[in-house]
Every structure is written in C-alpha cells, then in structure tokens.
Amino acid sequence: MKFLKSVVDEMKKVSWPSKTALRKDTLVVIETSIIFALLFWAFDRLIGLGISSLM
C-alpha cells in the first residue's frame, strides 16, 4: 500500500499539458511521422531502382 500511496503523491506533482498544447504537440508528431515515412519510401524506391538497374 505504501507504493500505491507514493504513486498517487507523485501523480499529483505532475504538470499536465493544456488541451491546446497537447493538440499542437500531437500534430507535430503526426506531421513528422508522415514526412519521415515519405522520405524513407522515396529512398527505398531510389535504392531499389539503383540495385535493379545494376542487375
């Protein structure tokens, strides 16, 4: 029970983000993920075309 009490006490100290900050940060993560996915796809296609042209 001491552990659970300490968990509750620590959770009260947490600084939670506002809804607008959370929404903004979430959009940044989604946009960054999409950009990196497109970059990895493009590099994969280029490398695949390069290897297939060599063979």
N, C-alpha and C. Protein backbone atom coordinates (compact mmCIF):
# COMPACT_ATOMS: atom_id res chain seq x y z
N MET A 1 0.82 -1.20 0.00
CA MET A 1 0.00 0.00 0.00
C MET A 1 0.87 1.26 0.00
N LYS A 2 2.05 1.17 0.57
CA LYS A 2 2.92 2.34 0.60
C LYS A 2 3.31 2.76 -0.82
N PHE A 3 3.53 1.76 -1.67
CA PHE A 3 3.89 2.04 -3.06
C PHE A 3 2.77 2.80 -3.77
N LEU A 4 1.53 2.34 -3.61
CA LEU A 4 0.40 2.99 -4.26
C LEU A 4 0.21 4.41 -3.75
N LYS A 5 0.42 4.62 -2.48
CA LYS A 5 0.31 5.97 -1.92
C LYS A 5 1.38 6.88 -2.53
N SER A 6 2.58 6.36 -2.67
CA SER A 6 3.65 7.18 -3.26
C SER A 6 3.38 7.46 -4.73
N VAL A 7 2.76 6.52 -5.43
CA VAL A 7 2.39 6.75 -6.83
C VAL A 7 1.36 7.87 -6.92
N VAL A 8 0.36 7.84 -6.07
CA VAL A 8 -0.67 8.88 -6.06
C VAL A 8 -0.05 10.23 -5.73
N ASP A 9 0.85 10.25 -4.77
CA ASP A 9 1.52 11.51 -4.39
C ASP A 9 2.34 12.07 -5.56
N GLU A 10 3.04 11.21 -6.27
CA GLU A 10 3.84 11.67 -7.41
C GLU A 10 2.96 12.15 -8.57
N MET A 11 1.84 11.48 -8.79
CA MET A 11 0.94 11.89 -9.87
C MET A 11 0.34 13.26 -9.61
N LYS A 12 0.20 13.63 -8.36
CA LYS A 12 -0.30 14.97 -8.02
C LYS A 12 0.72 16.05 -8.37
N LYS A 13 1.99 15.69 -8.42
CA LYS A 13 3.06 16.64 -8.72
C LYS A 13 3.26 16.84 -10.22
N VAL A 14 2.67 15.98 -11.03
CA VAL A 14 2.88 16.03 -12.47
C VAL A 14 2.25 17.28 -13.06
N SER A 15 2.97 17.92 -13.95
CA SER A 15 2.46 19.09 -14.66
C SER A 15 1.88 18.64 -15.99
N TRP A 16 0.57 18.58 -16.09
CA TRP A 16 -0.08 18.09 -17.29
C TRP A 16 -0.22 19.22 -18.31
N PRO A 17 -0.05 18.91 -19.61
CA PRO A 17 -0.17 19.96 -20.63
C PRO A 17 -1.63 20.36 -20.83
N SER A 18 -1.82 21.57 -21.35
CA SER A 18 -3.18 22.02 -21.65
C SER A 18 -3.67 21.30 -22.91
N LYS A 19 -4.97 21.41 -23.18
CA LYS A 19 -5.52 20.75 -24.37
C LYS A 19 -4.91 21.30 -25.65
N THR A 20 -4.70 22.61 -25.70
CA THR A 20 -4.13 23.20 -26.92
C THR A 20 -2.69 22.77 -27.12
N ALA A 21 -1.91 22.71 -26.05
CA ALA A 21 -0.52 22.26 -26.16
C ALA A 21 -0.46 20.79 -26.56
N LEU A 22 -1.34 19.99 -25.98
CA LEU A 22 -1.38 18.57 -26.32
C LEU A 22 -1.76 18.37 -27.77
N ARG A 23 -2.75 19.11 -28.26
CA ARG A 23 -3.18 19.02 -29.65
C ARG A 23 -2.05 19.44 -30.59
N LYS A 24 -1.38 20.54 -30.26
CA LYS A 24 -0.27 21.04 -31.08
C LYS A 24 0.87 20.03 -31.14
N ASP A 25 1.26 19.49 -30.00
CA ASP A 25 2.35 18.51 -29.96
C ASP A 25 1.98 17.23 -30.70
N THR A 26 0.72 16.82 -30.60
CA THR A 26 0.27 15.63 -31.31
C THR A 26 0.34 15.84 -32.81
N LEU A 27 -0.07 17.00 -33.28
CA LEU A 27 0.00 17.30 -34.71
C LEU A 27 1.44 17.34 -35.20
N VAL A 28 2.34 17.86 -34.41
CA VAL A 28 3.76 17.88 -34.78
C VAL A 28 4.29 16.45 -34.93
N VAL A 29 3.92 15.58 -34.02
CA VAL A 29 4.38 14.19 -34.08
C VAL A 29 3.81 13.49 -35.32
N ILE A 30 2.53 13.71 -35.62
CA ILE A 30 1.92 13.09 -36.79
C ILE A 30 2.55 13.61 -38.07
N GLU A 31 2.74 14.93 -38.17
CA GLU A 31 3.36 15.51 -39.36
C GLU A 31 4.78 15.00 -39.55
N THR A 32 5.55 14.95 -38.49
CA THR A 32 6.92 14.46 -38.58
C THR A 32 6.96 13.00 -38.99
N SER A 33 6.06 12.21 -38.47
CA SER A 33 6.00 10.79 -38.84
C SER A 33 5.68 10.62 -40.31
N ILE A 34 4.75 11.42 -40.82
CA ILE A 34 4.39 11.33 -42.24
C ILE A 34 5.57 11.75 -43.11
N ILE A 35 6.25 12.83 -42.74
CA ILE A 35 7.40 13.29 -43.52
C ILE A 35 8.49 12.22 -43.56
N PHE A 36 8.83 11.65 -42.42
CA PHE A 36 9.86 10.61 -42.39
C PHE A 36 9.43 9.36 -43.16
N ALA A 37 8.16 9.00 -43.07
CA ALA A 37 7.67 7.84 -43.82
C ALA A 37 7.82 8.09 -45.32
N LEU A 38 7.50 9.29 -45.79
CA LEU A 38 7.65 9.61 -47.21
C LEU A 38 9.11 9.62 -47.63
N LEU A 39 9.98 10.16 -46.77
CA LEU A 39 11.42 10.15 -47.08
C LEU A 39 11.97 8.73 -47.16
N PHE A 40 11.61 7.89 -46.20
CA PHE A 40 12.08 6.50 -46.22
C PHE A 40 11.55 5.76 -47.45
N TRP A 41 10.30 6.03 -47.82
CA TRP A 41 9.72 5.40 -49.01
C TRP A 41 10.48 5.83 -50.25
N ALA A 42 10.78 7.14 -50.36
CA ALA A 42 11.48 7.66 -51.53
C ALA A 42 12.89 7.07 -51.61
N PHE A 43 13.61 7.05 -50.51
CA PHE A 43 14.96 6.48 -50.52
C PHE A 43 14.92 4.99 -50.85
N ASP A 44 13.94 4.28 -50.33
CA ASP A 44 13.80 2.86 -50.63
C ASP A 44 13.56 2.64 -52.12
N ARG A 45 12.70 3.46 -52.70
CA ARG A 45 12.44 3.35 -54.14
C ARG A 45 13.70 3.64 -54.95
N LEU A 46 14.43 4.70 -54.57
CA LEU A 46 15.65 5.05 -55.30
C LEU A 46 16.70 3.94 -55.20
N ILE A 47 16.89 3.43 -54.01
CA ILE A 47 17.87 2.36 -53.83
C ILE A 47 17.43 1.11 -54.58
N GLY A 48 16.14 0.82 -54.52
CA GLY A 48 15.61 -0.36 -55.24
C GLY A 48 15.79 -0.21 -56.75
N LEU A 49 15.52 0.97 -57.27
CA LEU A 49 15.73 1.20 -58.72
C LEU A 49 17.19 1.12 -59.08
N GLY A 50 18.06 1.63 -58.23
CA GLY A 50 19.51 1.56 -58.48
C GLY A 50 20.01 0.13 -58.49
N ILE A 51 19.56 -0.66 -57.55
CA ILE A 51 20.01 -2.05 -57.49
C ILE A 51 19.44 -2.84 -58.67
N SER A 52 18.18 -2.63 -59.01
CA SER A 52 17.58 -3.37 -60.14
C SER A 52 18.23 -2.97 -61.46
N SER A 53 18.69 -1.72 -61.60
CA SER A 53 19.36 -1.33 -62.83
C SER A 53 20.76 -1.93 -62.92
N LEU A 54 21.38 -2.20 -61.78
CA LEU A 54 22.69 -2.83 -61.78
C LEU A 54 22.60 -4.32 -62.13
N MET A 55 21.49 -4.91 -61.83
CA MET A 55 21.35 -6.34 -62.10
C MET A 55 20.74 -6.50 -63.45
